[in-house]
PDB file of N, CA and C in Angstrom:
ATOM      1  N   MET A   1     -14.801  -4.815  16.260  1.00  0.00           N
ATOM      2  CA  MET A   1     -15.214  -3.481  15.855  1.00  0.00           C
ATOM      3  C   MET A   1     -15.773  -3.549  14.433  1.00  0.00           C
ATOM      4  N   PHE A   2     -16.892  -2.925  14.211  1.00  0.00           N
ATOM      5  CA  PHE A   2     -17.557  -2.945  12.905  1.00  0.00           C
ATOM      6  C   PHE A   2     -16.703  -2.238  11.859  1.00  0.00           C
ATOM      7  N   GLY A   3     -16.651  -2.792  10.666  1.00  0.00           N
ATOM      8  CA  GLY A   3     -15.956  -2.142   9.559  1.00  0.00           C
ATOM      9  C   GLY A   3     -14.544  -2.659   9.330  1.00  0.00           C
ATOM     10  N   LEU A   4     -13.924  -3.262  10.338  1.00  0.00           N
ATOM     11  CA  LEU A   4     -12.563  -3.748  10.152  1.00  0.00           C
ATOM     12  C   LEU A   4     -12.538  -5.027   9.334  1.00  0.00           C
ATOM     13  N   PHE A   5     -13.525  -5.850   9.531  1.00  0.00           N
ATOM     14  CA  PHE A   5     -13.565  -7.119   8.828  1.00  0.00           C
ATOM     15  C   PHE A   5     -14.883  -7.272   8.092  1.00  0.00           C
ATOM     16  N   GLN A   6     -14.802  -7.771   6.886  1.00  0.00           N
ATOM     17  CA  GLN A   6     -15.991  -8.037   6.082  1.00  0.00           C
ATOM     18  C   GLN A   6     -15.940  -9.508   5.703  1.00  0.00           C
ATOM     19  N   GLY A   7     -16.831 -10.271   6.245  1.00  0.00           N
ATOM     20  CA  GLY A   7     -16.856 -11.701   5.933  1.00  0.00           C
ATOM     21  C   GLY A   7     -15.604 -12.426   6.377  1.00  0.00           C
ATOM     22  N   GLY A   8     -15.031 -11.985   7.495  1.00  0.00           N
ATOM     23  CA  GLY A   8     -13.874 -12.663   8.045  1.00  0.00           C
ATOM     24  C   GLY A   8     -12.538 -12.214   7.474  1.00  0.00           C
ATOM     25  N   SER A   9     -12.549 -11.292   6.508  1.00  0.00           N
ATOM     26  CA  SER A   9     -11.287 -10.804   5.964  1.00  0.00           C
ATOM     27  C   SER A   9     -11.165  -9.296   6.186  1.00  0.00           C
ATOM     28  N   PRO A  10      -9.946  -8.780   6.191  1.00  0.00           N
ATOM     29  CA  PRO A  10      -9.756  -7.346   6.411  1.00  0.00           C
ATOM     30  C   PRO A  10     -10.497  -6.518   5.365  1.00  0.00           C
ATOM     31  N   ALA A  11     -10.817  -5.294   5.700  1.00  0.00           N
ATOM     32  CA  ALA A  11     -11.632  -4.442   4.845  1.00  0.00           C
ATOM     33  C   ALA A  11     -10.833  -3.718   3.761  1.00  0.00           C
ATOM     34  N   TYR A  12      -9.629  -4.174   3.477  1.00  0.00           N
ATOM     35  CA  TYR A  12      -8.911  -3.600   2.334  1.00  0.00           C
ATOM     36  C   TYR A  12      -9.099  -4.525   1.137  1.00  0.00           C
ATOM     37  N   LYS A  13      -8.811  -3.995  -0.055  1.00  0.00           N
ATOM     38  CA  LYS A  13      -8.972  -4.785  -1.276  1.00  0.00           C
ATOM     39  C   LYS A  13      -7.620  -5.296  -1.753  1.00  0.00           C
ATOM     40  N   ASN A  14      -7.589  -6.515  -2.242  1.00  0.00           N
ATOM     41  CA  ASN A  14      -6.410  -7.050  -2.916  1.00  0.00           C
ATOM     42  C   ASN A  14      -6.630  -6.885  -4.411  1.00  0.00           C
ATOM     43  N   LEU A  15      -5.692  -6.222  -5.078  1.00  0.00           N
ATOM     44  CA  LEU A  15      -5.829  -5.965  -6.510  1.00  0.00           C
ATOM     45  C   LEU A  15      -4.707  -6.645  -7.292  1.00  0.00           C
ATOM     46  N   THR A  16      -5.055  -7.145  -8.468  1.00  0.00           N
ATOM     47  CA  THR A  16      -4.042  -7.689  -9.377  1.00  0.00           C
ATOM     48  C   THR A  16      -3.224  -6.505  -9.902  1.00  0.00           C
ATOM     49  N   PRO A  17      -2.028  -6.756 -10.458  1.00  0.00           N
ATOM     50  CA  PRO A  17      -1.261  -5.644 -11.023  1.00  0.00           C
ATOM     51  C   PRO A  17      -2.057  -4.806 -12.034  1.00  0.00           C
ATOM     52  N   ALA A  18      -2.858  -5.426 -12.877  1.00  0.00           N
ATOM     53  CA  ALA A  18      -3.650  -4.679 -13.870  1.00  0.00           C
ATOM     54  C   ALA A  18      -4.687  -3.782 -13.176  1.00  0.00           C
ATOM     55  N   GLN A  19      -5.375  -4.320 -12.163  1.00  0.00           N
ATOM     56  CA  GLN A  19      -6.363  -3.532 -11.423  1.00  0.00           C
ATOM     57  C   GLN A  19      -5.677  -2.385 -10.670  1.00  0.00           C
ATOM     58  N   PHE A  20      -4.527  -2.670 -10.084  1.00  0.00           N
ATOM     59  CA  PHE A  20      -3.761  -1.700  -9.306  1.00  0.00           C
ATOM     60  C   PHE A  20      -3.317  -0.547 -10.207  1.00  0.00           C
ATOM     61  N   SER A  21      -2.792  -0.885 -11.378  1.00  0.00           N
ATOM     62  CA  SER A  21      -2.333   0.111 -12.340  1.00  0.00           C
ATOM     63  C   SER A  21      -3.479   1.033 -12.756  1.00  0.00           C
ATOM     64  N   GLN A  22      -4.630   0.447 -13.032  1.00  0.00           N
ATOM     65  CA  GLN A  22      -5.820   1.212 -13.419  1.00  0.00           C
ATOM     66  C   GLN A  22      -6.262   2.127 -12.274  1.00  0.00           C
ATOM     67  N   ALA A  23      -6.300   1.601 -11.049  1.00  0.00           N
ATOM     68  CA  ALA A  23      -6.764   2.354  -9.883  1.00  0.00           C
ATOM     69  C   ALA A  23      -5.853   3.538  -9.561  1.00  0.00           C
ATOM     70  N   LEU A  24      -4.565   3.410  -9.860  1.00  0.00           N
ATOM     71  CA  LEU A  24      -3.618   4.493  -9.570  1.00  0.00           C
ATOM     72  C   LEU A  24      -3.891   5.753 -10.391  1.00  0.00           C
ATOM     73  N   ARG A  25      -4.676   5.617 -11.436  1.00  0.00           N
ATOM     74  CA  ARG A  25      -5.009   6.783 -12.272  1.00  0.00           C
ATOM     75  C   ARG A  25      -6.053   7.670 -11.602  1.00  0.00           C
ATOM     76  N   GLU A  26      -6.650   7.177 -10.524  1.00  0.00           N
ATOM     77  CA  GLU A  26      -7.664   7.916  -9.782  1.00  0.00           C
ATOM     78  C   GLU A  26      -7.050   9.197  -9.206  1.00  0.00           C
ATOM     79  N   PRO A  27      -7.726  10.340  -9.378  1.00  0.00           N
ATOM     80  CA  PRO A  27      -7.183  11.591  -8.833  1.00  0.00           C
ATOM     81  C   PRO A  27      -7.062  11.520  -7.310  1.00  0.00           C
ATOM     82  N   GLY A  28      -5.930  12.006  -6.796  1.00  0.00           N
ATOM     83  CA  GLY A  28      -5.729  12.050  -5.354  1.00  0.00           C
ATOM     84  C   GLY A  28      -5.248  10.768  -4.727  1.00  0.00           C
ATOM     85  N   ALA A  29      -5.006   9.735  -5.544  1.00  0.00           N
ATOM     86  CA  ALA A  29      -4.545   8.446  -5.011  1.00  0.00           C
ATOM     87  C   ALA A  29      -3.174   8.602  -4.362  1.00  0.00           C
ATOM     88  N   VAL A  30      -2.987   7.922  -3.225  1.00  0.00           N
ATOM     89  CA  VAL A  30      -1.706   7.912  -2.528  1.00  0.00           C
ATOM     90  C   VAL A  30      -1.077   6.536  -2.734  1.00  0.00           C
ATOM     91  N   LEU A  31       0.160   6.519  -3.217  1.00  0.00           N
ATOM     92  CA  LEU A  31       0.876   5.273  -3.480  1.00  0.00           C
ATOM     93  C   LEU A  31       1.945   5.100  -2.413  1.00  0.00           C
ATOM     94  N   LEU A  32       1.848   4.010  -1.663  1.00  0.00           N
ATOM     95  CA  LEU A  32       2.723   3.783  -0.520  1.00  0.00           C
ATOM     96  C   LEU A  32       3.564   2.526  -0.705  1.00  0.00           C
ATOM     97  N   ASP A  33       4.881   2.714  -0.744  1.00  0.00           N
ATOM     98  CA  ASP A  33       5.834   1.602  -0.827  1.00  0.00           C
ATOM     99  C   ASP A  33       6.287   1.326   0.606  1.00  0.00           C
ATOM    100  N   VAL A  34       5.983   0.132   1.118  1.00  0.00           N
ATOM    101  CA  VAL A  34       6.276  -0.167   2.525  1.00  0.00           C
ATOM    102  C   VAL A  34       7.536  -1.021   2.700  1.00  0.00           C
ATOM    103  N   ARG A  35       8.394  -1.044   1.667  1.00  0.00           N
ATOM    104  CA  ARG A  35       9.657  -1.776   1.759  1.00  0.00           C
ATOM    105  C   ARG A  35      10.710  -0.941   2.488  1.00  0.00           C
ATOM    106  N   ARG A  36      11.873  -1.559   2.739  1.00  0.00           N
ATOM    107  CA  ARG A  36      12.989  -0.842   3.359  1.00  0.00           C
ATOM    108  C   ARG A  36      13.504   0.228   2.391  1.00  0.00           C
ATOM    109  N   PRO A  37      14.097   1.315   2.932  1.00  0.00           N
ATOM    110  CA  PRO A  37      14.623   2.377   2.063  1.00  0.00           C
ATOM    111  C   PRO A  37      15.617   1.883   1.011  1.00  0.00           C
ATOM    112  N   ASP A  38      16.440   0.883   1.344  1.00  0.00           N
ATOM    113  CA  ASP A  38      17.401   0.366   0.361  1.00  0.00           C
ATOM    114  C   ASP A  38      16.685  -0.347  -0.787  1.00  0.00           C
ATOM    115  N   GLU A  39      15.582  -1.036  -0.480  1.00  0.00           N
ATOM    116  CA  GLU A  39      14.802  -1.699  -1.537  1.00  0.00           C
ATOM    117  C   GLU A  39      14.138  -0.643  -2.425  1.00  0.00           C
ATOM    118  N   PHE A  40      13.591   0.397  -1.790  1.00  0.00           N
ATOM    119  CA  PHE A  40      12.934   1.493  -2.498  1.00  0.00           C
ATOM    120  C   PHE A  40      13.921   2.154  -3.465  1.00  0.00           C
ATOM    121  N   ALA A  41      15.146   2.385  -2.988  1.00  0.00           N
ATOM    122  CA  ALA A  41      16.179   3.035  -3.810  1.00  0.00           C
ATOM    123  C   ALA A  41      16.555   2.189  -5.019  1.00  0.00           C
ATOM    124  N   GLY A  42      16.380   0.874  -4.911  1.00  0.00           N
ATOM    125  CA  GLY A  42      16.707  -0.029  -6.006  1.00  0.00           C
ATOM    126  C   GLY A  42      15.702  -0.018  -7.136  1.00  0.00           C
ATOM    127  N   GLY A  43      14.558   0.619  -6.930  1.00  0.00           N
ATOM    128  CA  GLY A  43      13.521   0.714  -7.957  1.00  0.00           C
ATOM    129  C   GLY A  43      12.144   0.654  -7.332  1.00  0.00           C
ATOM    130  N   HIS A  44      11.282   1.604  -7.727  1.00  0.00           N
ATOM    131  CA  HIS A  44       9.936   1.680  -7.161  1.00  0.00           C
ATOM    132  C   HIS A  44       8.946   2.182  -8.207  1.00  0.00           C
ATOM    133  N   LEU A  45       7.664   2.096  -7.881  1.00  0.00           N
ATOM    134  CA  LEU A  45       6.632   2.599  -8.778  1.00  0.00           C
ATOM    135  C   LEU A  45       6.696   4.129  -8.794  1.00  0.00           C
ATOM    136  N   PRO A  46       6.486   4.749  -9.960  1.00  0.00           N
ATOM    137  CA  PRO A  46       6.536   6.209 -10.068  1.00  0.00           C
ATOM    138  C   PRO A  46       5.537   6.874  -9.115  1.00  0.00           C
ATOM    139  N   GLY A  47       6.011   7.883  -8.392  1.00  0.00           N
ATOM    140  CA  GLY A  47       5.138   8.648  -7.501  1.00  0.00           C
ATOM    141  C   GLY A  47       4.951   8.053  -6.117  1.00  0.00           C
ATOM    142  N   ALA A  48       5.661   6.955  -5.818  1.00  0.00           N
ATOM    143  CA  ALA A  48       5.482   6.274  -4.533  1.00  0.00           C
ATOM    144  C   ALA A  48       6.149   7.029  -3.391  1.00  0.00           C
ATOM    145  N   VAL A  49       5.510   6.947  -2.218  1.00  0.00           N
ATOM    146  CA  VAL A  49       6.064   7.452  -0.964  1.00  0.00           C
ATOM    147  C   VAL A  49       6.580   6.229  -0.217  1.00  0.00           C
ATOM    148  N   ASN A  50       7.787   6.316   0.325  1.00  0.00           N
ATOM    149  CA  ASN A  50       8.379   5.166   1.017  1.00  0.00           C
ATOM    150  C   ASN A  50       8.253   5.315   2.532  1.00  0.00           C
ATOM    151  N   ILE A  51       7.468   4.428   3.149  1.00  0.00           N
ATOM    152  CA  ILE A  51       7.373   4.347   4.605  1.00  0.00           C
ATOM    153  C   ILE A  51       7.510   2.868   4.962  1.00  0.00           C
ATOM    154  N   ASP A  52       8.632   2.507   5.551  1.00  0.00           N
ATOM    155  CA  ASP A  52       8.964   1.114   5.883  1.00  0.00           C
ATOM    156  C   ASP A  52       8.020   0.570   6.957  1.00  0.00           C
ATOM    157  N   VAL A  53       7.263  -0.477   6.600  1.00  0.00           N
ATOM    158  CA  VAL A  53       6.294  -1.071   7.532  1.00  0.00           C
ATOM    159  C   VAL A  53       6.982  -1.711   8.735  1.00  0.00           C
ATOM    160  N   THR A  54       8.253  -2.086   8.598  1.00  0.00           N
ATOM    161  CA  THR A  54       8.959  -2.709   9.721  1.00  0.00           C
ATOM    162  C   THR A  54       9.641  -1.688  10.639  1.00  0.00           C
ATOM    163  N   ALA A  55       9.613  -0.413  10.254  1.00  0.00           N
ATOM    164  CA  ALA A  55      10.240   0.628  11.073  1.00  0.00           C
ATOM    165  C   ALA A  55       9.382   0.903  12.320  1.00  0.00           C
ATOM    166  N   PRO A  56      10.033   1.223  13.450  1.00  0.00           N
ATOM    167  CA  PRO A  56       9.274   1.469  14.686  1.00  0.00           C
ATOM    168  C   PRO A  56       8.320   2.668  14.597  1.00  0.00           C
ATOM    169  N   ASP A  57       8.601   3.600  13.690  1.00  0.00           N
ATOM    170  CA  ASP A  57       7.748   4.795  13.582  1.00  0.00           C
ATOM    171  C   ASP A  57       6.728   4.703  12.438  1.00  0.00           C
ATOM    172  N   PHE A  58       6.459   3.477  11.933  1.00  0.00           N
ATOM    173  CA  PHE A  58       5.529   3.313  10.816  1.00  0.00           C
ATOM    174  C   PHE A  58       4.162   3.935  11.112  1.00  0.00           C
ATOM    175  N   ALA A  59       3.559   3.565  12.236  1.00  0.00           N
ATOM    176  CA  ALA A  59       2.215   4.070  12.583  1.00  0.00           C
ATOM    177  C   ALA A  59       2.208   5.591  12.689  1.00  0.00           C
ATOM    178  N   GLN A  60       3.251   6.123  13.278  1.00  0.00           N
ATOM    179  CA  GLN A  60       3.365   7.580  13.440  1.00  0.00           C
ATOM    180  C   GLN A  60       3.486   8.279  12.078  1.00  0.00           C
ATOM    181  N   ARG A  61       4.280   7.707  11.182  1.00  0.00           N
ATOM    182  CA  ARG A  61       4.481   8.319   9.861  1.00  0.00           C
ATOM    183  C   ARG A  61       3.237   8.236   8.980  1.00  0.00           C
ATOM    184  N   VAL A  62       2.534   7.100   8.997  1.00  0.00           N
ATOM    185  CA  VAL A  62       1.333   6.999   8.167  1.00  0.00           C
ATOM    186  C   VAL A  62       0.186   7.822   8.736  1.00  0.00           C
ATOM    187  N   ALA A  63       0.228   8.117  10.037  1.00  0.00           N
ATOM    188  CA  ALA A  63      -0.814   8.956  10.650  1.00  0.00           C
ATOM    189  C   ALA A  63      -0.833  10.355  10.032  1.00  0.00           C
ATOM    190  N   ALA A  64       0.290  10.764   9.442  1.00  0.00           N
ATOM    191  CA  ALA A  64       0.374  12.081   8.807  1.00  0.00           C
ATOM    192  C   ALA A  64      -0.284  12.111   7.429  1.00  0.00           C
ATOM    193  N   LEU A  65      -0.611  10.934   6.882  1.00  0.00           N
ATOM    194  CA  LEU A  65      -1.248  10.866   5.563  1.00  0.00           C
ATOM    195  C   LEU A  65      -2.749  11.152   5.671  1.00  0.00           C
ATOM    196  N   ASP A  66      -3.353  11.528   4.555  1.00  0.00           N
ATOM    197  CA  ASP A  66      -4.786  11.818   4.498  1.00  0.00           C
ATOM    198  C   ASP A  66      -5.570  10.506   4.443  1.00  0.00           C
ATOM    199  N   LYS A  67      -6.309  10.222   5.519  1.00  0.00           N
ATOM    200  CA  LYS A  67      -7.045   8.954   5.629  1.00  0.00           C
ATOM    201  C   LYS A  67      -8.249   8.867   4.693  1.00  0.00           C
ATOM    202  N   THR A  68      -8.658  10.009   4.112  1.00  0.00           N
ATOM    203  CA  THR A  68      -9.827  10.005   3.228  1.00  0.00           C
ATOM    204  C   THR A  68      -9.455   9.681   1.781  1.00  0.00           C
ATOM    205  N   LYS A  69      -8.154   9.796   1.442  1.00  0.00           N
ATOM    206  CA  LYS A  69      -7.729   9.543   0.062  1.00  0.00           C
ATOM    207  C   LYS A  69      -7.546   8.049  -0.180  1.00  0.00           C
ATOM    208  N   PRO A  70      -7.831   7.589  -1.403  1.00  0.00           N
ATOM    209  CA  PRO A  70      -7.576   6.192  -1.718  1.00  0.00           C
ATOM    210  C   PRO A  70      -6.081   5.901  -1.588  1.00  0.00           C
ATOM    211  N   THR A  71      -5.728   4.882  -0.826  1.00  0.00           N
ATOM    212  CA  THR A  71      -4.330   4.563  -0.542  1.00  0.00           C
ATOM    213  C   THR A  71      -3.994   3.189  -1.110  1.00  0.00           C
ATOM    214  N   TYR A  72      -2.944   3.141  -1.933  1.00  0.00           N
ATOM    215  CA  TYR A  72      -2.519   1.923  -2.608  1.00  0.00           C
ATOM    216  C   TYR A  72      -1.160   1.518  -2.056  1.00  0.00           C
ATOM    217  N   VAL A  73      -1.092   0.302  -1.521  1.00  0.00           N
ATOM    218  CA  VAL A  73       0.088  -0.169  -0.808  1.00  0.00           C
ATOM    219  C   VAL A  73       0.743  -1.328  -1.553  1.00  0.00           C
ATOM    220  N   TYR A  74       2.079  -1.311  -1.602  1.00  0.00           N
ATOM    221  CA  TYR A  74       2.791  -2.443  -2.201  1.00  0.00           C
ATOM    222  C   TYR A  74       4.135  -2.664  -1.510  1.00  0.00           C
ATOM    223  N   CYS A  75       4.685  -3.852  -1.717  1.00  0.00           N
ATOM    224  CA  CYS A  75       6.017  -4.206  -1.227  1.00  0.00           C
ATOM    225  C   CYS A  75       6.682  -5.084  -2.294  1.00  0.00           C
ATOM    226  N   ARG A  76       7.587  -5.962  -1.890  1.00  0.00           N
ATOM    227  CA  ARG A  76       8.281  -6.809  -2.858  1.00  0.00           C
ATOM    228  C   ARG A  76       7.377  -7.916  -3.393  1.00  0.00           C
ATOM    229  N   SER A  77       6.704  -8.635  -2.467  1.00  0.00           N
ATOM    230  CA  SER A  77       5.915  -9.796  -2.886  1.00  0.00           C
ATOM    231  C   SER A  77       4.441  -9.735  -2.506  1.00  0.00           C
ATOM    232  N   GLY A  78       4.061  -8.766  -1.686  1.00  0.00           N
ATOM    233  CA  GLY A  78       2.664  -8.645  -1.274  1.00  0.00           C
ATOM    234  C   GLY A  78       2.412  -8.992   0.185  1.00  0.00           C
ATOM    235  N   ALA A  79       3.397  -9.557   0.879  1.00  0.00           N
ATOM    236  CA  ALA A  79       3.202  -9.962   2.277  1.00  0.00           C
ATOM    237  C   ALA A  79       3.254  -8.769   3.240  1.00  0.00           C
ATOM    238  N   ARG A  80       4.325  -7.970   3.156  1.00  0.00           N
ATOM    239  CA  ARG A  80       4.435  -6.800   4.046  1.00  0.00           C
ATOM    240  C   ARG A  80       3.354  -5.777   3.746  1.00  0.00           C
ATOM    241  N   SER A  81       2.991  -5.632   2.470  1.00  0.00           N
ATOM    242  CA  SER A  81       1.948  -4.659   2.135  1.00  0.00           C
ATOM    243  C   SER A  81       0.588  -5.106   2.659  1.00  0.00           C
ATOM    244  N   ALA A  82       0.338  -6.412   2.728  1.00  0.00           N
ATOM    245  CA  ALA A  82      -0.914  -6.906   3.312  1.00  0.00           C
ATOM    246  C   ALA A  82      -0.964  -6.558   4.799  1.00  0.00           C
ATOM    247  N   THR A  83       0.168  -6.712   5.490  1.00  0.00           N
ATOM    248  CA  THR A  83       0.270  -6.322   6.904  1.00  0.00           C
ATOM    249  C   THR A  83       0.010  -4.826   7.052  1.00  0.00           C
ATOM    250  N   ALA A  84       0.659  -4.027   6.200  1.00  0.00           N
ATOM    251  CA  ALA A  84       0.500  -2.576   6.250  1.00  0.00           C
ATOM    252  C   ALA A  84      -0.938  -2.171   5.945  1.00  0.00           C
ATOM    253  N   ALA A  85      -1.557  -2.811   4.951  1.00  0.00           N
ATOM    254  CA  ALA A  85      -2.937  -2.500   4.578  1.00  0.00           C
ATOM    255  C   ALA A  85      -3.880  -2.757   5.757  1.00  0.00           C
ATOM    256  N   GLY A  86      -3.644  -3.858   6.466  1.00  0.00           N
ATOM    257  CA  GLY A  86      -4.446  -4.162   7.650  1.00  0.00           C
ATOM    258  C   GLY A  86      -4.287  -3.107   8.728  1.00  0.00           C
ATOM    259  N   GLN A  87      -3.049  -2.655   8.940  1.00  0.00           N
ATOM    260  CA  GLN A  87      -2.785  -1.613   9.937  1.00  0.00           C
ATOM    261  C   GLN A  87      -3.436  -0.294   9.541  1.00  0.00           C
ATOM    262  N   LEU A  88      -3.358   0.048   8.270  1.00  0.00           N
ATOM    263  CA  LEU A  88      -3.978   1.290   7.784  1.00  0.00           C
ATOM    264  C   LEU A  88      -5.491   1.246   7.989  1.00  0.00           C
ATOM    265  N   THR A  89      -6.084   0.113   7.643  1.00  0.00           N
ATOM    266  CA  THR A  89      -7.530  -0.056   7.796  1.00  0.00           C
ATOM    267  C   THR A  89      -7.929   0.103   9.267  1.00  0.00           C
ATOM    268  N   LYS A  90      -7.165  -0.544  10.150  1.00  0.00           N
ATOM    269  CA  LYS A  90      -7.454  -0.450  11.591  1.00  0.00           C
ATOM    270  C   LYS A  90      -7.304   0.967  12.117  1.00  0.00           C
ATOM    271  N   SER A  91      -6.398   1.745  11.519  1.00  0.00           N
ATOM    272  CA  SER A  91      -6.186   3.108  12.015  1.00  0.00           C
ATOM    273  C   SER A  91      -7.089   4.136  11.332  1.00  0.00           C
ATOM    274  N   GLY A  92      -8.068   3.661  10.549  1.00  0.00           N
ATOM    275  CA  GLY A  92      -9.092   4.577  10.050  1.00  0.00           C
ATOM    276  C   GLY A  92      -9.006   4.996   8.600  1.00  0.00           C
ATOM    277  N   PHE A  93      -8.084   4.404   7.831  1.00  0.00           N
ATOM    278  CA  PHE A  93      -8.026   4.736   6.405  1.00  0.00           C
ATOM    279  C   PHE A  93      -9.244   4.113   5.729  1.00  0.00           C
ATOM    280  N   ALA A  94      -9.941   4.925   4.933  1.00  0.00           N
ATOM    281  CA  ALA A  94     -11.220   4.501   4.367  1.00  0.00           C
ATOM    282  C   ALA A  94     -11.078   3.576   3.155  1.00  0.00           C
ATOM    283  N   HIS A  95     -10.137   3.860   2.264  1.00  0.00           N
ATOM    284  CA  HIS A  95     -10.018   3.111   1.007  1.00  0.00           C
ATOM    285  C   HIS A  95      -8.587   2.630   0.829  1.00  0.00           C
ATOM    286  N   VAL A  96      -8.318   1.396   1.218  1.00  0.00           N
ATOM    287  CA  VAL A  96      -6.970   0.834   1.133  1.00  0.00           C
ATOM    288  C   VAL A  96      -6.973  -0.351   0.172  1.00  0.00           C
ATOM    289  N   SER A  97      -5.973  -0.375  -0.714  1.00  0.00           N
ATOM    290  CA  SER A  97      -5.821  -1.492  -1.647  1.00  0.00           C
ATOM    291  C   SER A  97      -4.390  -1.996  -1.606  1.00  0.00           C
ATOM    292  N   ASN A  98      -4.240  -3.317  -1.705  1.00  0.00           N
ATOM    293  CA  ASN A  98      -2.952  -3.987  -1.650  1.00  0.00           C
ATOM    294  C   ASN A  98      -2.634  -4.592  -3.019  1.00  0.00           C
ATOM    295  N   LEU A  99      -1.382  -4.429  -3.464  1.00  0.00           N
ATOM    296  CA  LEU A  99      -0.946  -5.006  -4.735  1.00  0.00           C
ATOM    297  C   LEU A  99      -0.564  -6.472  -4.538  1.00  0.00           C
ATOM    298  N   LEU A 100      -1.351  -7.368  -5.121  1.00  0.00           N
ATOM    299  CA  LEU A 100      -1.049  -8.802  -5.061  1.00  0.00           C
ATOM    300  C   LEU A 100       0.235  -9.089  -5.830  1.00  0.00           C
ATOM    301  N   GLY A 101       1.156  -9.824  -5.208  1.00  0.00           N
ATOM    302  CA  GLY A 101       2.397 -10.185  -5.888  1.00  0.00           C
ATOM    303  C   GLY A 101       3.491  -9.138  -5.793  1.00  0.00           C
ATOM    304  N   GLY A 102       3.159  -7.935  -5.316  1.00  0.00           N
ATOM    305  CA  GLY A 102       4.155  -6.873  -5.155  1.00  0.00           C
ATOM    306  C   GLY A 102       4.895  -6.520  -6.428  1.00  0.00           C
ATOM    307  N   VAL A 103       6.067  -5.887  -6.262  1.00  0.00           N
ATOM    308  CA  VAL A 103       6.835  -5.470  -7.441  1.00  0.00           C
ATOM    309  C   VAL A 103       7.366  -6.669  -8.231  1.00  0.00           C
ATOM    310  N   LEU A 104       7.409  -7.842  -7.603  1.00  0.00           N
ATOM    311  CA  LEU A 104       7.844  -9.039  -8.337  1.00  0.00           C
ATOM    312  C   LEU A 104       6.908  -9.336  -9.503  1.00  0.00           C
ATOM    313  N   ASP A 105       5.623  -9.025  -9.330  1.00  0.00           N
ATOM    314  CA  ASP A 105       4.631  -9.280 -10.382  1.00  0.00           C
ATOM    315  C   ASP A 105       4.259  -8.014 -11.169  1.00  0.00           C
ATOM    316  N   TRP A 106       4.902  -6.887 -10.873  1.00  0.00           N
ATOM    317  CA  TRP A 106       4.557  -5.626 -11.521  1.00  0.00           C
ATOM    318  C   TRP A 106       5.107  -5.632 -12.954  1.00  0.00           C
ATOM    319  N   PRO A 107       4.240  -5.455 -13.965  1.00  0.00           N
ATOM    320  CA  PRO A 107       4.678  -5.574 -15.351  1.00  0.00           C
ATOM    321  C   PRO A 107       5.353  -4.318 -15.906  1.00  0.00           C
ATOM    322  N   GLU A 108       5.177  -3.185 -15.256  1.00  0.00           N
ATOM    323  CA  GLU A 108       5.700  -1.934 -15.780  1.00  0.00           C
ATOM    324  C   GLU A 108       7.101  -1.639 -15.231  1.00  0.00           C
ATOM    325  N   LYS A 109       7.788  -0.720 -15.864  1.00  0.00           N
ATOM    326  CA  LYS A 109       9.142  -0.365 -15.475  1.00  0.00           C
ATOM    327  C   LYS A 109       9.149   0.369 -14.128  1.00  0.00           C
ATOM    328  N   LEU A 110      10.112   0.033 -13.274  1.00  0.00           N
ATOM    329  CA  LEU A 110      10.269   0.722 -11.997  1.00  0.00           C
ATOM    330  C   LEU A 110      11.190   1.922 -12.215  1.00  0.00           C
ATOM    331  N   VAL A 111      11.076   2.926 -11.368  1.00  0.00           N
ATOM    332  CA  VAL A 111      11.936   4.102 -11.465  1.00  0.00           C
ATOM    333  C   VAL A 111      12.868   4.132 -10.254  1.00  0.00           C
ATOM    334  N   ARG A 112      13.958   4.870 -10.387  1.00  0.00           N
ATOM    335  CA  ARG A 112      14.922   5.018  -9.280  1.00  0.00           C
ATOM    336  C   ARG A 112      14.975   6.453  -8.841  1.00  0.00           C
TER     337      ARG A 112
END
């Protein structure tokens, strides 16, 4: 299907923590933490919505989000968020970005 892959890779962007931090300042940006609820409770990026990518209702829950808004996805290390970013892209989200390195590489303070 056209648009899902660009040059053999998924159509979402991988951003460094610095790029991700800058992009989050964009008006209307949606920040999605795809870790388990217990991980989210232990500390997350300010303003994040928690939807566990491993939960059976992940697709159903993200379907309620606005697909036209820029969506920024992260997890602990970047692996689960890459999976989630691919799923979001396939389900019609227009602007998806993944945080490389996840919260392990995030330089700013997490909130609880």
